[in-house]
Amino acid sequence: MNTYGDRFRTFGHGALHGGLLGVFVVLPIIGINALFEKQSFKYVAINVGYWVVTLTAMGAIIGAMGPG
């Protein structure tokens, strides 16, 4: 905290990390399950899109809250 302080506690930085979490964690999980269930690409796109938007919003809100 002494080095960076609140430099990376912003709305955009939180949104970036939320979106990355959605793409790199949620996409593989839902994609693999959809392959086993023989679901369509549209099914995967809708569900992953929902989670990416949701996690991006959550990350942005938490990032914008700042310290304590």
N, C-alpha and C. Protein backbone atom coordinates (compact mmCIF):
# COMPACT_ATOMS: atom_id res chain seq x y z
N MET A 1 0.82 -1.19 0.00
CA MET A 1 0.00 0.00 0.00
C MET A 1 0.86 1.25 0.00
N ASN A 2 2.05 1.17 0.60
CA ASN A 2 2.91 2.35 0.62
C ASN A 2 3.38 2.72 -0.78
N THR A 3 3.56 1.73 -1.65
CA THR A 3 4.07 1.99 -2.99
C THR A 3 2.98 2.50 -3.92
N TYR A 4 1.83 1.81 -3.99
CA TYR A 4 0.81 2.14 -4.98
C TYR A 4 -0.38 2.90 -4.42
N GLY A 5 -0.65 2.77 -3.14
CA GLY A 5 -1.76 3.49 -2.54
C GLY A 5 -3.09 3.15 -3.18
N ASP A 6 -3.80 4.16 -3.60
CA ASP A 6 -5.11 3.97 -4.22
C ASP A 6 -5.06 4.10 -5.73
N ARG A 7 -3.88 3.98 -6.32
CA ARG A 7 -3.71 4.20 -7.75
C ARG A 7 -4.55 3.27 -8.61
N PHE A 8 -4.71 2.03 -8.19
CA PHE A 8 -5.43 1.05 -9.00
C PHE A 8 -6.82 0.75 -8.47
N ARG A 9 -7.33 1.57 -7.59
CA ARG A 9 -8.69 1.39 -7.08
C ARG A 9 -9.62 2.32 -7.82
N THR A 10 -9.89 1.97 -9.08
CA THR A 10 -10.75 2.80 -9.91
C THR A 10 -11.87 1.96 -10.49
N PHE A 11 -12.86 2.64 -11.02
CA PHE A 11 -13.99 1.98 -11.67
C PHE A 11 -13.53 1.13 -12.85
N GLY A 12 -12.70 1.71 -13.71
CA GLY A 12 -12.23 1.00 -14.89
C GLY A 12 -11.35 -0.19 -14.58
N HIS A 13 -10.51 -0.06 -13.59
CA HIS A 13 -9.61 -1.16 -13.24
C HIS A 13 -10.41 -2.33 -12.65
N GLY A 14 -11.40 -2.02 -11.84
CA GLY A 14 -12.27 -3.07 -11.31
C GLY A 14 -13.07 -3.74 -12.40
N ALA A 15 -13.55 -2.95 -13.37
CA ALA A 15 -14.30 -3.51 -14.49
C ALA A 15 -13.41 -4.41 -15.34
N LEU A 16 -12.17 -4.02 -15.54
CA LEU A 16 -11.23 -4.84 -16.29
C LEU A 16 -11.05 -6.20 -15.64
N HIS A 17 -10.81 -6.20 -14.35
CA HIS A 17 -10.58 -7.46 -13.65
C HIS A 17 -11.85 -8.31 -13.59
N GLY A 18 -13.00 -7.69 -13.46
CA GLY A 18 -14.25 -8.45 -13.49
C GLY A 18 -14.48 -9.09 -14.84
N GLY A 19 -14.21 -8.35 -15.92
CA GLY A 19 -14.36 -8.91 -17.26
C GLY A 19 -13.38 -10.03 -17.54
N LEU A 20 -12.15 -9.86 -17.09
CA LEU A 20 -11.15 -10.92 -17.27
C LEU A 20 -11.54 -12.18 -16.50
N LEU A 21 -12.08 -12.00 -15.30
CA LEU A 21 -12.54 -13.14 -14.52
C LEU A 21 -13.65 -13.88 -15.27
N GLY A 22 -14.55 -13.13 -15.86
CA GLY A 22 -15.63 -13.75 -16.62
C GLY A 22 -15.12 -14.54 -17.81
N VAL A 23 -14.17 -13.97 -18.55
CA VAL A 23 -13.67 -14.64 -19.75
C VAL A 23 -12.79 -15.83 -19.41
N PHE A 24 -11.92 -15.69 -18.44
CA PHE A 24 -10.94 -16.74 -18.17
C PHE A 24 -11.37 -17.76 -17.11
N VAL A 25 -12.46 -17.52 -16.39
CA VAL A 25 -12.94 -18.49 -15.40
C VAL A 25 -14.31 -19.03 -15.80
N VAL A 26 -15.25 -18.13 -16.09
CA VAL A 26 -16.61 -18.56 -16.37
C VAL A 26 -16.72 -19.21 -17.75
N LEU A 27 -16.08 -18.65 -18.75
CA LEU A 27 -16.16 -19.22 -20.10
C LEU A 27 -15.71 -20.67 -20.16
N PRO A 28 -14.56 -21.04 -19.61
CA PRO A 28 -14.19 -22.46 -19.66
C PRO A 28 -15.16 -23.37 -18.90
N ILE A 29 -15.66 -22.90 -17.77
CA ILE A 29 -16.58 -23.73 -16.99
C ILE A 29 -17.87 -23.97 -17.76
N ILE A 30 -18.50 -22.91 -18.24
CA ILE A 30 -19.76 -23.06 -18.96
C ILE A 30 -19.52 -23.75 -20.30
N GLY A 31 -18.41 -23.45 -20.96
CA GLY A 31 -18.11 -24.07 -22.24
C GLY A 31 -17.93 -25.57 -22.14
N ILE A 32 -17.19 -26.03 -21.15
CA ILE A 32 -16.97 -27.46 -20.97
C ILE A 32 -18.28 -28.16 -20.63
N ASN A 33 -19.07 -27.56 -19.74
CA ASN A 33 -20.37 -28.17 -19.41
C ASN A 33 -21.28 -28.22 -20.63
N ALA A 34 -21.26 -27.19 -21.46
CA ALA A 34 -22.09 -27.18 -22.66
C ALA A 34 -21.64 -28.23 -23.67
N LEU A 35 -20.34 -28.48 -23.74
CA LEU A 35 -19.86 -29.53 -24.63
C LEU A 35 -20.37 -30.90 -24.20
N PHE A 36 -20.34 -31.17 -22.91
CA PHE A 36 -20.84 -32.46 -22.41
C PHE A 36 -22.35 -32.58 -22.60
N GLU A 37 -23.06 -31.46 -22.49
CA GLU A 37 -24.51 -31.48 -22.64
C GLU A 37 -24.94 -31.33 -24.10
N LYS A 38 -23.99 -31.13 -25.01
CA LYS A 38 -24.24 -30.94 -26.45
C LYS A 38 -25.17 -29.76 -26.69
N GLN A 39 -24.88 -28.65 -26.01
CA GLN A 39 -25.64 -27.42 -26.18
C GLN A 39 -25.08 -26.63 -27.36
N SER A 40 -25.85 -25.66 -27.83
CA SER A 40 -25.44 -24.85 -28.98
C SER A 40 -24.50 -23.72 -28.56
N PHE A 41 -23.85 -23.13 -29.57
CA PHE A 41 -22.98 -21.99 -29.31
C PHE A 41 -23.78 -20.81 -28.77
N LYS A 42 -25.01 -20.66 -29.25
CA LYS A 42 -25.87 -19.57 -28.79
C LYS A 42 -26.12 -19.67 -27.29
N TYR A 43 -26.34 -20.88 -26.80
CA TYR A 43 -26.53 -21.12 -25.37
C TYR A 43 -25.31 -20.66 -24.58
N VAL A 44 -24.12 -21.03 -25.06
CA VAL A 44 -22.88 -20.65 -24.38
C VAL A 44 -22.71 -19.13 -24.42
N ALA A 45 -22.94 -18.54 -25.59
CA ALA A 45 -22.75 -17.09 -25.76
C ALA A 45 -23.67 -16.29 -24.84
N ILE A 46 -24.92 -16.70 -24.73
CA ILE A 46 -25.87 -15.98 -23.88
C ILE A 46 -25.47 -16.09 -22.41
N ASN A 47 -25.16 -17.30 -21.96
CA ASN A 47 -24.83 -17.50 -20.55
C ASN A 47 -23.50 -16.86 -20.17
N VAL A 48 -22.49 -17.02 -21.00
CA VAL A 48 -21.19 -16.40 -20.70
C VAL A 48 -21.31 -14.89 -20.78
N GLY A 49 -22.05 -14.38 -21.75
CA GLY A 49 -22.25 -12.93 -21.86
C GLY A 49 -22.90 -12.36 -20.61
N TYR A 50 -23.89 -13.06 -20.10
CA TYR A 50 -24.54 -12.62 -18.87
C TYR A 50 -23.54 -12.53 -17.72
N TRP A 51 -22.72 -13.58 -17.56
CA TRP A 51 -21.78 -13.60 -16.45
C TRP A 51 -20.66 -12.60 -16.62
N VAL A 52 -20.22 -12.37 -17.85
CA VAL A 52 -19.17 -11.37 -18.07
C VAL A 52 -19.70 -9.98 -17.72
N VAL A 53 -20.90 -9.66 -18.16
CA VAL A 53 -21.48 -8.35 -17.84
C VAL A 53 -21.69 -8.22 -16.33
N THR A 54 -22.19 -9.25 -15.70
CA THR A 54 -22.44 -9.21 -14.25
C THR A 54 -21.15 -9.04 -13.47
N LEU A 55 -20.13 -9.84 -13.79
CA LEU A 55 -18.86 -9.73 -13.06
C LEU A 55 -18.14 -8.41 -13.35
N THR A 56 -18.30 -7.90 -14.58
CA THR A 56 -17.72 -6.59 -14.90
C THR A 56 -18.36 -5.50 -14.05
N ALA A 57 -19.68 -5.56 -13.92
CA ALA A 57 -20.37 -4.56 -13.09
C ALA A 57 -19.97 -4.69 -11.63
N MET A 58 -19.88 -5.92 -11.14
CA MET A 58 -19.49 -6.11 -9.74
C MET A 58 -18.07 -5.60 -9.50
N GLY A 59 -17.15 -5.93 -10.41
CA GLY A 59 -15.77 -5.46 -10.27
C GLY A 59 -15.67 -3.96 -10.31
N ALA A 60 -16.47 -3.34 -11.21
CA ALA A 60 -16.44 -1.88 -11.32
C ALA A 60 -16.95 -1.22 -10.04
N ILE A 61 -18.02 -1.74 -9.49
CA ILE A 61 -18.59 -1.16 -8.28
C ILE A 61 -17.65 -1.31 -7.10
N ILE A 62 -17.07 -2.50 -6.96
CA ILE A 62 -16.14 -2.73 -5.86
C ILE A 62 -14.89 -1.88 -6.04
N GLY A 63 -14.41 -1.77 -7.29
CA GLY A 63 -13.23 -0.95 -7.55
C GLY A 63 -13.47 0.53 -7.28
N ALA A 64 -14.68 0.99 -7.57
CA ALA A 64 -15.00 2.41 -7.37
C ALA A 64 -15.21 2.76 -5.89
N MET A 65 -15.49 1.76 -5.07
CA MET A 65 -15.74 2.02 -3.65
C MET A 65 -14.51 2.55 -2.95
N GLY A 66 -13.36 2.12 -3.40
CA GLY A 66 -12.13 2.62 -2.80
C GLY A 66 -11.89 2.07 -1.41
N PRO A 67 -10.96 2.68 -0.70
CA PRO A 67 -10.60 2.17 0.62
C PRO A 67 -11.69 2.43 1.65
N GLY A 68 -11.78 1.48 2.56
CA GLY A 68 -12.62 1.53 3.73
C GLY A 68 -13.76 2.41 3.66
